[in-house]
Amino acid sequence: MKLKEIIERHHWRKQLKPSLQKRYPISELALFGSVASDEHAEASDIGILVDFNGSIGIGFF
């Protein structure tokens, strides 16, 4: 099974987004890079793009 399919099958956005939204003004989460283009290797990392509704400020770090 492809890594992207595994990530999508586990509904990672639906699980991760609500918990992050409790702490930060997040509007969207998306995959990018080799996983998103289905060109990943076994040692590839997973790139996650986070779009914010507003300012996250210095407290994010």
Protein backbone atom coordinates (compact mmCIF):
# COMPACT_ATOMS: atom_id res chain seq x y z
CA MET A 1 0.00 0.00 0.00
CA LYS A 2 1.27 3.45 -0.85
CA LEU A 3 2.20 5.83 1.99
CA LYS A 4 -0.23 8.49 0.77
CA GLU A 5 -3.08 5.95 0.81
CA ILE A 6 -2.20 4.96 4.36
CA ILE A 7 -2.26 8.58 5.49
CA GLU A 8 -5.56 9.28 3.74
CA ARG A 9 -7.13 6.06 4.98
CA HIS A 10 -6.40 6.94 8.57
CA HIS A 11 -8.13 10.30 8.17
CA TRP A 12 -5.20 12.12 9.73
CA ARG A 13 -6.66 15.54 8.91
CA LYS A 14 -9.92 14.80 10.70
CA GLN A 15 -8.03 13.58 13.76
CA LEU A 16 -5.26 16.16 13.90
CA LYS A 17 -7.05 19.34 12.84
CA PRO A 18 -9.57 19.59 15.75
CA SER A 19 -6.89 19.11 18.40
CA LEU A 20 -4.64 21.72 16.79
CA GLN A 21 -7.56 24.14 16.34
CA LYS A 22 -8.06 24.16 20.10
CA ARG A 23 -4.63 25.80 20.44
CA TYR A 24 -4.08 27.62 17.13
CA PRO A 25 -6.23 29.38 14.47
CA ILE A 26 -5.81 26.66 11.82
CA SER A 27 -7.99 26.68 8.71
CA GLU A 28 -6.43 23.90 6.59
CA LEU A 29 -3.94 21.03 6.65
CA ALA A 30 -2.46 19.47 3.50
CA LEU A 31 0.30 17.12 2.39
CA PHE A 32 3.10 18.36 0.15
CA GLY A 33 6.34 17.08 -1.31
CA SER A 34 7.13 13.54 -2.35
CA VAL A 35 4.24 11.97 -0.42
CA ALA A 36 1.68 14.28 -2.03
CA SER A 37 3.05 13.60 -5.51
CA ASP A 38 3.33 9.85 -4.80
CA GLU A 39 7.09 9.88 -5.43
CA HIS A 40 8.22 9.06 -1.91
CA ALA A 41 10.79 6.50 -0.86
CA GLU A 42 10.83 4.40 2.27
CA ALA A 43 13.04 6.98 4.02
CA SER A 44 10.97 10.01 2.91
CA ASP A 45 9.58 12.41 5.43
CA ILE A 46 5.97 13.61 5.40
CA GLY A 47 5.48 17.29 4.56
CA ILE A 48 2.40 18.86 6.15
CA LEU A 49 1.33 22.37 5.16
CA VAL A 50 -0.59 24.34 7.78
CA ASP A 51 -2.74 27.35 6.81
CA PHE A 52 -3.69 29.73 9.64
CA ASN A 53 -6.80 31.92 9.95
CA GLY A 54 -4.97 34.61 11.83
CA SER A 55 -1.83 35.50 13.67
CA ILE A 56 -0.23 32.75 15.72
CA GLY A 57 2.17 35.07 17.51
CA ILE A 58 5.39 34.22 19.27
CA GLY A 59 3.60 31.70 21.55
CA PHE A 60 3.55 29.16 18.73
CA PHE A 61 7.20 28.37 19.31
